[in-house]
Amino acid sequence: MLGVLTLSLVLVTSGLAAGFMGALTELGGATFLIPIYVLFIGMPIQYAAGVSLISTVATSSGSASAYIRDRVSNMRIGMSLLTATTSGSIVGALLASWVYSHGL
C-alpha cells in the first residue's frame, strides 16, 4: 500500500496529467483518471467513479459561477435543465434499484 505522502503525490500528478490530456483531446479528465485510479493505484472502480463525479460537479460549479458573474449564462434555461437532470437522476437511480432487486 502506498504511504500518505506518496499517494498524495501520485494523485496530484495524475490529476494534472489527466487535466492536461483532457484539455488536449477535448475529453473529460475522468477518461484518464478512472483507469489510473483503478489500474495503477488499485482503487475500487465504484470509488474511482464517485471521485470522478465529485470532481466534475466541483469544476462545473466553478465554471457556472464565472459564467453567471460575466452574465453569459441564461438562468431560466439553467434552472429548467437543473430540474430535469435532477429528476432524471432520481428516477434513474430508483429504476436501477428496482431492476436489480427483481433480477432483470
PDB file of N, CA and C in Angstrom:
ATOM      1  N   MET A   1       0.846  -1.185   0.000  1.00  0.00           N
ATOM      2  CA  MET A   1       0.000   0.000   0.000  1.00  0.00           C
ATOM      3  C   MET A   1       0.883   1.237   0.000  1.00  0.00           C
ATOM      4  N   LEU A   2       0.453   2.256  -0.667  1.00  0.00           N
ATOM      5  CA  LEU A   2       1.221   3.484  -0.758  1.00  0.00           C
ATOM      6  C   LEU A   2       1.091   4.290   0.533  1.00  0.00           C
ATOM      7  N   GLY A   3       2.157   4.979   0.890  1.00  0.00           N
ATOM      8  CA  GLY A   3       2.112   5.870   2.036  1.00  0.00           C
ATOM      9  C   GLY A   3       1.289   7.110   1.700  1.00  0.00           C
ATOM     10  N   VAL A   4       0.942   7.871   2.724  1.00  0.00           N
ATOM     11  CA  VAL A   4       0.090   9.038   2.536  1.00  0.00           C
ATOM     12  C   VAL A   4       0.761  10.064   1.623  1.00  0.00           C
ATOM     13  N   LEU A   5       2.031  10.335   1.853  1.00  0.00           N
ATOM     14  CA  LEU A   5       2.735  11.328   1.044  1.00  0.00           C
ATOM     15  C   LEU A   5       2.884  10.862  -0.402  1.00  0.00           C
ATOM     16  N   THR A   6       3.236   9.599  -0.573  1.00  0.00           N
ATOM     17  CA  THR A   6       3.386   9.047  -1.921  1.00  0.00           C
ATOM     18  C   THR A   6       2.044   9.043  -2.656  1.00  0.00           C
ATOM     19  N   LEU A   7       0.983   8.626  -1.954  1.00  0.00           N
ATOM     20  CA  LEU A   7      -0.345   8.605  -2.566  1.00  0.00           C
ATOM     21  C   LEU A   7      -0.786  10.009  -2.954  1.00  0.00           C
ATOM     22  N   SER A   8      -0.542  10.975  -2.087  1.00  0.00           N
ATOM     23  CA  SER A   8      -0.899  12.365  -2.398  1.00  0.00           C
ATOM     24  C   SER A   8      -0.152  12.859  -3.626  1.00  0.00           C
ATOM     25  N   LEU A   9       1.123  12.544  -3.711  1.00  0.00           N
ATOM     26  CA  LEU A   9       1.930  12.952  -4.859  1.00  0.00           C
ATOM     27  C   LEU A   9       1.424  12.296  -6.146  1.00  0.00           C
ATOM     28  N   VAL A  10       1.082  11.013  -6.071  1.00  0.00           N
ATOM     29  CA  VAL A  10       0.563  10.299  -7.243  1.00  0.00           C
ATOM     30  C   VAL A  10      -0.779  10.887  -7.668  1.00  0.00           C
ATOM     31  N   LEU A  11      -1.657  11.196  -6.708  1.00  0.00           N
ATOM     32  CA  LEU A  11      -2.967  11.753  -7.047  1.00  0.00           C
ATOM     33  C   LEU A  11      -2.853  13.129  -7.683  1.00  0.00           C
ATOM     34  N   VAL A  12      -1.994  13.977  -7.132  1.00  0.00           N
ATOM     35  CA  VAL A  12      -1.822  15.322  -7.691  1.00  0.00           C
ATOM     36  C   VAL A  12      -1.211  15.243  -9.083  1.00  0.00           C
ATOM     37  N   THR A  13      -0.191  14.432  -9.242  1.00  0.00           N
ATOM     38  CA  THR A  13       0.469  14.289 -10.540  1.00  0.00           C
ATOM     39  C   THR A  13      -0.480  13.707 -11.581  1.00  0.00           C
ATOM     40  N   SER A  14      -1.224  12.677 -11.198  1.00  0.00           N
ATOM     41  CA  SER A  14      -2.156  12.079 -12.154  1.00  0.00           C
ATOM     42  C   SER A  14      -3.295  13.047 -12.476  1.00  0.00           C
ATOM     43  N   GLY A  15      -3.722  13.849 -11.511  1.00  0.00           N
ATOM     44  CA  GLY A  15      -4.753  14.848 -11.770  1.00  0.00           C
ATOM     45  C   GLY A  15      -4.295  15.901 -12.753  1.00  0.00           C
ATOM     46  N   LEU A  16      -3.062  16.374 -12.576  1.00  0.00           N
ATOM     47  CA  LEU A  16      -2.509  17.357 -13.511  1.00  0.00           C
ATOM     48  C   LEU A  16      -2.362  16.759 -14.909  1.00  0.00           C
ATOM     49  N   ALA A  17      -1.855  15.539 -14.962  1.00  0.00           N
ATOM     50  CA  ALA A  17      -1.673  14.881 -16.266  1.00  0.00           C
ATOM     51  C   ALA A  17      -3.025  14.635 -16.940  1.00  0.00           C
ATOM     52  N   ALA A  18      -4.022  14.192 -16.167  1.00  0.00           N
ATOM     53  CA  ALA A  18      -5.344  13.930 -16.743  1.00  0.00           C
ATOM     54  C   ALA A  18      -5.996  15.222 -17.217  1.00  0.00           C
ATOM     55  N   GLY A  19      -5.831  16.290 -16.461  1.00  0.00           N
ATOM     56  CA  GLY A  19      -6.370  17.580 -16.884  1.00  0.00           C
ATOM     57  C   GLY A  19      -5.722  18.070 -18.166  1.00  0.00           C
ATOM     58  N   PHE A  20      -4.403  17.903 -18.259  1.00  0.00           N
ATOM     59  CA  PHE A  20      -3.669  18.310 -19.459  1.00  0.00           C
ATOM     60  C   PHE A  20      -4.115  17.485 -20.665  1.00  0.00           C
ATOM     61  N   MET A  21      -4.170  16.158 -20.479  1.00  0.00           N
ATOM     62  CA  MET A  21      -4.583  15.289 -21.589  1.00  0.00           C
ATOM     63  C   MET A  21      -6.051  15.515 -21.957  1.00  0.00           C
ATOM     64  N   GLY A  22      -6.892  15.756 -20.954  1.00  0.00           N
ATOM     65  CA  GLY A  22      -8.297  16.033 -21.232  1.00  0.00           C
ATOM     66  C   GLY A  22      -8.477  17.312 -22.022  1.00  0.00           C
ATOM     67  N   ALA A  23      -7.664  18.334 -21.705  1.00  0.00           N
ATOM     68  CA  ALA A  23      -7.742  19.596 -22.444  1.00  0.00           C
ATOM     69  C   ALA A  23      -7.227  19.432 -23.869  1.00  0.00           C
ATOM     70  N   LEU A  24      -6.191  18.647 -24.056  1.00  0.00           N
ATOM     71  CA  LEU A  24      -5.646  18.432 -25.401  1.00  0.00           C
ATOM     72  C   LEU A  24      -6.597  17.648 -26.295  1.00  0.00           C
ATOM     73  N   THR A  25      -7.255  16.659 -25.727  1.00  0.00           N
ATOM     74  CA  THR A  25      -8.105  15.782 -26.527  1.00  0.00           C
ATOM     75  C   THR A  25      -9.572  16.181 -26.495  1.00  0.00           C
ATOM     76  N   GLU A  26      -9.911  17.216 -25.725  1.00  0.00           N
ATOM     77  CA  GLU A  26     -11.278  17.679 -25.541  1.00  0.00           C
ATOM     78  C   GLU A  26     -12.177  16.606 -24.948  1.00  0.00           C
ATOM     79  N   LEU A  27     -11.589  15.738 -24.153  1.00  0.00           N
ATOM     80  CA  LEU A  27     -12.335  14.742 -23.392  1.00  0.00           C
ATOM     81  C   LEU A  27     -12.287  15.160 -21.938  1.00  0.00           C
ATOM     82  N   GLY A  28     -13.167  14.615 -21.139  1.00  0.00           N
ATOM     83  CA  GLY A  28     -13.125  14.910 -19.713  1.00  0.00           C
ATOM     84  C   GLY A  28     -11.919  14.271 -19.062  1.00  0.00           C
ATOM     85  N   GLY A  29     -11.468  14.857 -17.971  1.00  0.00           N
ATOM     86  CA  GLY A  29     -10.333  14.305 -17.248  1.00  0.00           C
ATOM     87  C   GLY A  29     -10.610  12.928 -16.685  1.00  0.00           C
ATOM     88  N   ALA A  30     -11.899  12.613 -16.438  1.00  0.00           N
ATOM     89  CA  ALA A  30     -12.254  11.303 -15.891  1.00  0.00           C
ATOM     90  C   ALA A  30     -11.907  10.174 -16.852  1.00  0.00           C
ATOM     91  N   THR A  31     -11.852  10.485 -18.137  1.00  0.00           N
ATOM     92  CA  THR A  31     -11.474   9.475 -19.124  1.00  0.00           C
ATOM     93  C   THR A  31     -10.093   8.925 -18.825  1.00  0.00           C
ATOM     94  N   PHE A  32      -9.244   9.755 -18.258  1.00  0.00           N
ATOM     95  CA  PHE A  32      -7.895   9.336 -17.925  1.00  0.00           C
ATOM     96  C   PHE A  32      -7.747   8.987 -16.451  1.00  0.00           C
ATOM     97  N   LEU A  33      -8.498   9.677 -15.581  1.00  0.00           N
ATOM     98  CA  LEU A  33      -8.334   9.469 -14.148  1.00  0.00           C
ATOM     99  C   LEU A  33      -8.835   8.118 -13.672  1.00  0.00           C
ATOM    100  N   ILE A  34      -9.993   7.696 -14.127  1.00  0.00           N
ATOM    101  CA  ILE A  34     -10.555   6.436 -13.628  1.00  0.00           C
ATOM    102  C   ILE A  34      -9.646   5.254 -13.933  1.00  0.00           C
ATOM    103  N   PRO A  35      -9.112   5.092 -15.150  1.00  0.00           N
ATOM    104  CA  PRO A  35      -8.169   3.992 -15.367  1.00  0.00           C
ATOM    105  C   PRO A  35      -6.907   4.102 -14.509  1.00  0.00           C
ATOM    106  N   ILE A  36      -6.407   5.317 -14.284  1.00  0.00           N
ATOM    107  CA  ILE A  36      -5.221   5.483 -13.435  1.00  0.00           C
ATOM    108  C   ILE A  36      -5.533   5.036 -12.018  1.00  0.00           C
ATOM    109  N   TYR A  37      -6.676   5.476 -11.496  1.00  0.00           N
ATOM    110  CA  TYR A  37      -7.048   5.102 -10.132  1.00  0.00           C
ATOM    111  C   TYR A  37      -7.238   3.600  -9.981  1.00  0.00           C
ATOM    112  N   VAL A  38      -7.908   2.995 -10.956  1.00  0.00           N
ATOM    113  CA  VAL A  38      -8.235   1.569 -10.849  1.00  0.00           C
ATOM    114  C   VAL A  38      -7.018   0.688 -11.138  1.00  0.00           C
ATOM    115  N   LEU A  39      -6.310   0.967 -12.242  1.00  0.00           N
ATOM    116  CA  LEU A  39      -5.239   0.076 -12.667  1.00  0.00           C
ATOM    117  C   LEU A  39      -3.921   0.285 -11.927  1.00  0.00           C
ATOM    118  N   PHE A  40      -3.585   1.534 -11.636  1.00  0.00           N
ATOM    119  CA  PHE A  40      -2.272   1.800 -11.053  1.00  0.00           C
ATOM    120  C   PHE A  40      -2.301   1.970  -9.536  1.00  0.00           C
ATOM    121  N   ILE A  41      -3.373   2.569  -9.019  1.00  0.00           N
ATOM    122  CA  ILE A  41      -3.439   2.783  -7.576  1.00  0.00           C
ATOM    123  C   ILE A  41      -4.165   1.637  -6.883  1.00  0.00           C
ATOM    124  N   GLY A  42      -5.024   0.938  -7.601  1.00  0.00           N
ATOM    125  CA  GLY A  42      -5.748  -0.186  -7.026  1.00  0.00           C
ATOM    126  C   GLY A  42      -7.035   0.227  -6.328  1.00  0.00           C
ATOM    127  N   MET A  43      -7.559   1.396  -6.654  1.00  0.00           N
ATOM    128  CA  MET A  43      -8.804   1.877  -6.055  1.00  0.00           C
ATOM    129  C   MET A  43      -9.976   1.109  -6.665  1.00  0.00           C
ATOM    130  N   PRO A  44     -10.963   0.713  -5.860  1.00  0.00           N
ATOM    131  CA  PRO A  44     -12.155   0.063  -6.435  1.00  0.00           C
ATOM    132  C   PRO A  44     -12.849   1.003  -7.425  1.00  0.00           C
ATOM    133  N   ILE A  45     -13.405   0.428  -8.472  1.00  0.00           N
ATOM    134  CA  ILE A  45     -13.967   1.245  -9.553  1.00  0.00           C
ATOM    135  C   ILE A  45     -15.134   2.092  -9.072  1.00  0.00           C
ATOM    136  N   GLN A  46     -15.897   1.615  -8.063  1.00  0.00           N
ATOM    137  CA  GLN A  46     -17.009   2.406  -7.549  1.00  0.00           C
ATOM    138  C   GLN A  46     -16.499   3.697  -6.926  1.00  0.00           C
ATOM    139  N   TYR A  47     -15.394   3.629  -6.189  1.00  0.00           N
ATOM    140  CA  TYR A  47     -14.815   4.824  -5.572  1.00  0.00           C
ATOM    141  C   TYR A  47     -14.226   5.752  -6.632  1.00  0.00           C
ATOM    142  N   ALA A  48     -13.586   5.156  -7.634  1.00  0.00           N
ATOM    143  CA  ALA A  48     -12.993   5.968  -8.699  1.00  0.00           C
ATOM    144  C   ALA A  48     -14.074   6.726  -9.459  1.00  0.00           C
ATOM    145  N   ALA A  49     -15.190   6.075  -9.737  1.00  0.00           N
ATOM    146  CA  ALA A  49     -16.290   6.755 -10.424  1.00  0.00           C
ATOM    147  C   ALA A  49     -16.889   7.849  -9.546  1.00  0.00           C
ATOM    148  N   GLY A  50     -16.996   7.592  -8.243  1.00  0.00           N
ATOM    149  CA  GLY A  50     -17.506   8.608  -7.327  1.00  0.00           C
ATOM    150  C   GLY A  50     -16.605   9.823  -7.250  1.00  0.00           C
ATOM    151  N   VAL A  51     -15.299   9.580  -7.188  1.00  0.00           N
ATOM    152  CA  VAL A  51     -14.337  10.692  -7.166  1.00  0.00           C
ATOM    153  C   VAL A  51     -14.444  11.494  -8.452  1.00  0.00           C
ATOM    154  N   SER A  52     -14.617  10.815  -9.561  1.00  0.00           N
ATOM    155  CA  SER A  52     -14.758  11.493 -10.847  1.00  0.00           C
ATOM    156  C   SER A  52     -16.004  12.373 -10.878  1.00  0.00           C
ATOM    157  N   LEU A  53     -17.111  11.858 -10.359  1.00  0.00           N
ATOM    158  CA  LEU A  53     -18.343  12.640 -10.343  1.00  0.00           C
ATOM    159  C   LEU A  53     -18.223  13.859  -9.439  1.00  0.00           C
ATOM    160  N   ILE A  54     -17.591  13.695  -8.288  1.00  0.00           N
ATOM    161  CA  ILE A  54     -17.415  14.825  -7.378  1.00  0.00           C
ATOM    162  C   ILE A  54     -16.544  15.900  -8.019  1.00  0.00           C
ATOM    163  N   SER A  55     -15.480  15.496  -8.685  1.00  0.00           N
ATOM    164  CA  SER A  55     -14.619  16.492  -9.329  1.00  0.00           C
ATOM    165  C   SER A  55     -15.327  17.177 -10.491  1.00  0.00           C
ATOM    166  N   THR A  56     -16.191  16.460 -11.187  1.00  0.00           N
ATOM    167  CA  THR A  56     -16.959  17.061 -12.274  1.00  0.00           C
ATOM    168  C   THR A  56     -17.918  18.114 -11.733  1.00  0.00           C
ATOM    169  N   VAL A  57     -18.583  17.799 -10.631  1.00  0.00           N
ATOM    170  CA  VAL A  57     -19.503  18.770 -10.023  1.00  0.00           C
ATOM    171  C   VAL A  57     -18.735  20.004  -9.553  1.00  0.00           C
ATOM    172  N   ALA A  58     -17.567  19.793  -8.964  1.00  0.00           N
ATOM    173  CA  ALA A  58     -16.781  20.926  -8.466  1.00  0.00           C
ATOM    174  C   ALA A  58     -16.317  21.829  -9.602  1.00  0.00           C
ATOM    175  N   THR A  59     -15.810  21.261 -10.670  1.00  0.00           N
ATOM    176  CA  THR A  59     -15.339  22.093 -11.775  1.00  0.00           C
ATOM    177  C   THR A  59     -16.503  22.761 -12.508  1.00  0.00           C
ATOM    178  N   SER A  60     -17.624  22.064 -12.620  1.00  0.00           N
ATOM    179  CA  SER A  60     -18.797  22.662 -13.262  1.00  0.00           C
ATOM    180  C   SER A  60     -19.335  23.827 -12.436  1.00  0.00           C
ATOM    181  N   SER A  61     -19.308  23.699 -11.130  1.00  0.00           N
ATOM    182  CA  SER A  61     -19.770  24.789 -10.267  1.00  0.00           C
ATOM    183  C   SER A  61     -18.878  26.017 -10.418  1.00  0.00           C
ATOM    184  N   GLY A  62     -17.584  25.800 -10.489  1.00  0.00           N
ATOM    185  CA  GLY A  62     -16.661  26.914 -10.694  1.00  0.00           C
ATOM    186  C   GLY A  62     -16.882  27.600 -12.025  1.00  0.00           C
ATOM    187  N   SER A  63     -17.098  26.819 -13.061  1.00  0.00           N
ATOM    188  CA  SER A  63     -17.360  27.389 -14.381  1.00  0.00           C
ATOM    189  C   SER A  63     -18.678  28.143 -14.398  1.00  0.00           C
ATOM    190  N   ALA A  64     -19.687  27.571 -13.768  1.00  0.00           N
ATOM    191  CA  ALA A  64     -21.005  28.216 -13.751  1.00  0.00           C
ATOM    192  C   ALA A  64     -20.946  29.557 -13.035  1.00  0.00           C
ATOM    193  N   SER A  65     -20.218  29.614 -11.932  1.00  0.00           N
ATOM    194  CA  SER A  65     -20.141  30.888 -11.213  1.00  0.00           C
ATOM    195  C   SER A  65     -19.438  31.955 -12.053  1.00  0.00           C
ATOM    196  N   ALA A  66     -18.437  31.560 -12.817  1.00  0.00           N
ATOM    197  CA  ALA A  66     -17.754  32.525 -13.695  1.00  0.00           C
ATOM    198  C   ALA A  66     -18.676  33.001 -14.805  1.00  0.00           C
ATOM    199  N   TYR A  67     -19.462  32.091 -15.375  1.00  0.00           N
ATOM    200  CA  TYR A  67     -20.395  32.485 -16.433  1.00  0.00           C
ATOM    201  C   TYR A  67     -21.494  33.394 -15.900  1.00  0.00           C
ATOM    202  N   ILE A  68     -21.973  33.111 -14.694  1.00  0.00           N
ATOM    203  CA  ILE A  68     -23.007  33.960 -14.104  1.00  0.00           C
ATOM    204  C   ILE A  68     -22.445  35.345 -13.806  1.00  0.00           C
ATOM    205  N   ARG A  69     -21.239  35.393 -13.280  1.00  0.00           N
ATOM    206  CA  ARG A  69     -20.609  36.675 -12.977  1.00  0.00           C
ATOM    207  C   ARG A  69     -20.442  37.527 -14.245  1.00  0.00           C
ATOM    208  N   ASP A  70     -20.088  36.881 -15.346  1.00  0.00           N
ATOM    209  CA  ASP A  70     -19.895  37.601 -16.608  1.00  0.00           C
ATOM    210  C   ASP A  70     -21.199  37.799 -17.381  1.00  0.00           C
ATOM    211  N   ARG A  71     -22.308  37.345 -16.815  1.00  0.00           N
ATOM    212  CA  ARG A  71     -23.639  37.449 -17.425  1.00  0.00           C
ATOM    213  C   ARG A  71     -23.686  36.801 -18.813  1.00  0.00           C
ATOM    214  N   VAL A  72     -23.064  35.655 -18.931  1.00  0.00           N
ATOM    215  CA  VAL A  72     -23.046  34.921 -20.189  1.00  0.00           C
ATOM    216  C   VAL A  72     -24.125  33.840 -20.209  1.00  0.00           C
ATOM    217  N   SER A  73     -24.520  33.361 -19.037  1.00  0.00           N
ATOM    218  CA  SER A  73     -25.448  32.235 -18.978  1.00  0.00           C
ATOM    219  C   SER A  73     -26.895  32.699 -18.885  1.00  0.00           C
ATOM    220  N   ASN A  74     -27.782  31.822 -19.297  1.00  0.00           N
ATOM    221  CA  ASN A  74     -29.212  32.065 -19.233  1.00  0.00           C
ATOM    222  C   ASN A  74     -29.760  31.301 -18.024  1.00  0.00           C
ATOM    223  N   MET A  75     -30.093  32.021 -16.968  1.00  0.00           N
ATOM    224  CA  MET A  75     -30.537  31.388 -15.719  1.00  0.00           C
ATOM    225  C   MET A  75     -31.846  30.617 -15.898  1.00  0.00           C
ATOM    226  N   ARG A  76     -32.713  31.085 -16.743  1.00  0.00           N
ATOM    227  CA  ARG A  76     -34.001  30.413 -16.952  1.00  0.00           C
ATOM    228  C   ARG A  76     -33.798  29.018 -17.533  1.00  0.00           C
ATOM    229  N   ILE A  77     -32.965  28.924 -18.547  1.00  0.00           N
ATOM    230  CA  ILE A  77     -32.670  27.616 -19.148  1.00  0.00           C
ATOM    231  C   ILE A  77     -31.888  26.750 -18.161  1.00  0.00           C
ATOM    232  N   GLY A  78     -30.957  27.369 -17.455  1.00  0.00           N
ATOM    233  CA  GLY A  78     -30.166  26.620 -16.480  1.00  0.00           C
ATOM    234  C   GLY A  78     -31.013  25.991 -15.393  1.00  0.00           C
ATOM    235  N   MET A  79     -31.981  26.726 -14.880  1.00  0.00           N
ATOM    236  CA  MET A  79     -32.844  26.186 -13.827  1.00  0.00           C
ATOM    237  C   MET A  79     -33.743  25.069 -14.353  1.00  0.00           C
ATOM    238  N   SER A  80     -34.221  25.200 -15.595  1.00  0.00           N
ATOM    239  CA  SER A  80     -35.050  24.122 -16.149  1.00  0.00           C
ATOM    240  C   SER A  80     -34.207  22.875 -16.403  1.00  0.00           C
ATOM    241  N   LEU A  81     -32.972  23.053 -16.854  1.00  0.00           N
ATOM    242  CA  LEU A  81     -32.089  21.902 -17.040  1.00  0.00           C
ATOM    243  C   LEU A  81     -31.722  21.265 -15.711  1.00  0.00           C
ATOM    244  N   LEU A  82     -31.515  22.094 -14.696  1.00  0.00           N
ATOM    245  CA  LEU A  82     -31.206  21.587 -13.354  1.00  0.00           C
ATOM    246  C   LEU A  82     -32.340  20.719 -12.833  1.00  0.00           C
ATOM    247  N   THR A  83     -33.569  21.204 -12.984  1.00  0.00           N
ATOM    248  CA  THR A  83     -34.733  20.452 -12.519  1.00  0.00           C
ATOM    249  C   THR A  83     -34.873  19.137 -13.291  1.00  0.00           C
ATOM    250  N   ALA A  84     -34.703  19.192 -14.593  1.00  0.00           N
ATOM    251  CA  ALA A  84     -34.865  17.994 -15.418  1.00  0.00           C
ATOM    252  C   ALA A  84     -33.786  16.956 -15.123  1.00  0.00           C
ATOM    253  N   THR A  85     -32.535  17.379 -14.990  1.00  0.00           N
ATOM    254  CA  THR A  85     -31.469  16.405 -14.749  1.00  0.00           C
ATOM    255  C   THR A  85     -31.536  15.821 -13.346  1.00  0.00           C
ATOM    256  N   THR A  86     -31.926  16.637 -12.374  1.00  0.00           N
ATOM    257  CA  THR A  86     -32.061  16.115 -11.018  1.00  0.00           C
ATOM    258  C   THR A  86     -33.199  15.099 -10.949  1.00  0.00           C
ATOM    259  N   SER A  87     -34.327  15.426 -11.544  1.00  0.00           N
ATOM    260  CA  SER A  87     -35.457  14.489 -11.570  1.00  0.00           C
ATOM    261  C   SER A  87     -35.086  13.211 -12.314  1.00  0.00           C
ATOM    262  N   GLY A  88     -34.410  13.366 -13.433  1.00  0.00           N
ATOM    263  CA  GLY A  88     -33.998  12.193 -14.207  1.00  0.00           C
ATOM    264  C   GLY A  88     -33.030  11.302 -13.464  1.00  0.00           C
ATOM    265  N   SER A  89     -32.105  11.897 -12.707  1.00  0.00           N
ATOM    266  CA  SER A  89     -31.151  11.080 -11.963  1.00  0.00           C
ATOM    267  C   SER A  89     -31.829  10.333 -10.822  1.00  0.00           C
ATOM    268  N   ILE A  90     -32.803  10.959 -10.173  1.00  0.00           N
ATOM    269  CA  ILE A  90     -33.539  10.270  -9.098  1.00  0.00           C
ATOM    270  C   ILE A  90     -34.358   9.122  -9.671  1.00  0.00           C
ATOM    271  N   VAL A  91     -35.074   9.377 -10.749  1.00  0.00           N
ATOM    272  CA  VAL A  91     -35.874   8.321 -11.376  1.00  0.00           C
ATOM    273  C   VAL A  91     -34.972   7.199 -11.889  1.00  0.00           C
ATOM    274  N   GLY A  92     -33.835   7.550 -12.482  1.00  0.00           N
ATOM    275  CA  GLY A  92     -32.899   6.532 -12.968  1.00  0.00           C
ATOM    276  C   GLY A  92     -32.327   5.678 -11.849  1.00  0.00           C
ATOM    277  N   ALA A  93     -31.989   6.295 -10.720  1.00  0.00           N
ATOM    278  CA  ALA A  93     -31.467   5.531  -9.585  1.00  0.00           C
ATOM    279  C   ALA A  93     -32.527   4.591  -9.019  1.00  0.00           C
ATOM    280  N   LEU A  94     -33.767   5.079  -8.903  1.00  0.00           N
ATOM    281  CA  LEU A  94     -34.848   4.224  -8.410  1.00  0.00           C
ATOM    282  C   LEU A  94     -35.134   3.079  -9.374  1.00  0.00           C
ATOM    283  N   LEU A  95     -35.108   3.367 -10.667  1.00  0.00           N
ATOM    284  CA  LEU A  95     -35.339   2.328 -11.670  1.00  0.00           C
ATOM    285  C   LEU A  95     -34.225   1.286 -11.656  1.00  0.00           C
ATOM    286  N   ALA A  96     -32.992   1.739 -11.543  1.00  0.00           N
ATOM    287  CA  ALA A  96     -31.869   0.801 -11.480  1.00  0.00           C
ATOM    288  C   ALA A  96     -31.966  -0.090 -10.241  1.00  0.00           C
ATOM    289  N   SER A  97     -32.379   0.475  -9.121  1.00  0.00           N
ATOM    290  CA  SER A  97     -32.550  -0.302  -7.899  1.00  0.00           C
ATOM    291  C   SER A  97     -33.663  -1.318  -8.052  1.00  0.00           C
ATOM    292  N   TRP A  98     -34.749  -0.909  -8.693  1.00  0.00           N
ATOM    293  CA  TRP A  98     -35.876  -1.833  -8.907  1.00  0.00           C
ATOM    294  C   TRP A  98     -35.466  -2.973  -9.844  1.00  0.00           C
ATOM    295  N   VAL A  99     -34.784  -2.649 -10.932  1.00  0.00           N
ATOM    296  CA  VAL A  99     -34.344  -3.675 -11.888  1.00  0.00           C
ATOM    297  C   VAL A  99     -33.386  -4.657 -11.219  1.00  0.00           C
ATOM    298  N   TYR A 100     -32.462  -4.140 -10.401  1.00  0.00           N
ATOM    299  CA  TYR A 100     -31.501  -5.002  -9.724  1.00  0.00           C
ATOM    300  C   TYR A 100     -32.199  -5.919  -8.719  1.00  0.00           C
ATOM    301  N   SER A 101     -33.177  -5.379  -7.982  1.00  0.00           N
ATOM    302  CA  SER A 101     -33.851  -6.185  -6.963  1.00  0.00           C
ATOM    303  C   SER A 101     -34.749  -7.262  -7.575  1.00  0.00           C
ATOM    304  N   HIS A 102     -35.188  -7.065  -8.781  1.00  0.00           N
ATOM    305  CA  HIS A 102     -36.027  -8.044  -9.447  1.00  0.00           C
ATOM    306  C   HIS A 102     -35.224  -8.992 -10.352  1.00  0.00           C
ATOM    307  N   GLY A 103     -33.925  -8.864 -10.343  1.00  0.00           N
ATOM    308  CA  GLY A 103     -33.063  -9.792 -11.068  1.00  0.00           C
ATOM    309  C   GLY A 103     -33.194  -9.722 -12.560  1.00  0.00           C
ATOM    310  N   LEU A 104     -33.508  -8.553 -13.092  1.00  0.00           N
ATOM    311  CA  LEU A 104     -33.663  -8.431 -14.544  1.00  0.00           C
ATOM    312  C   LEU A 104     -32.343  -8.127 -15.214  1.00  0.00           C
TER     313      LEU A 104
END
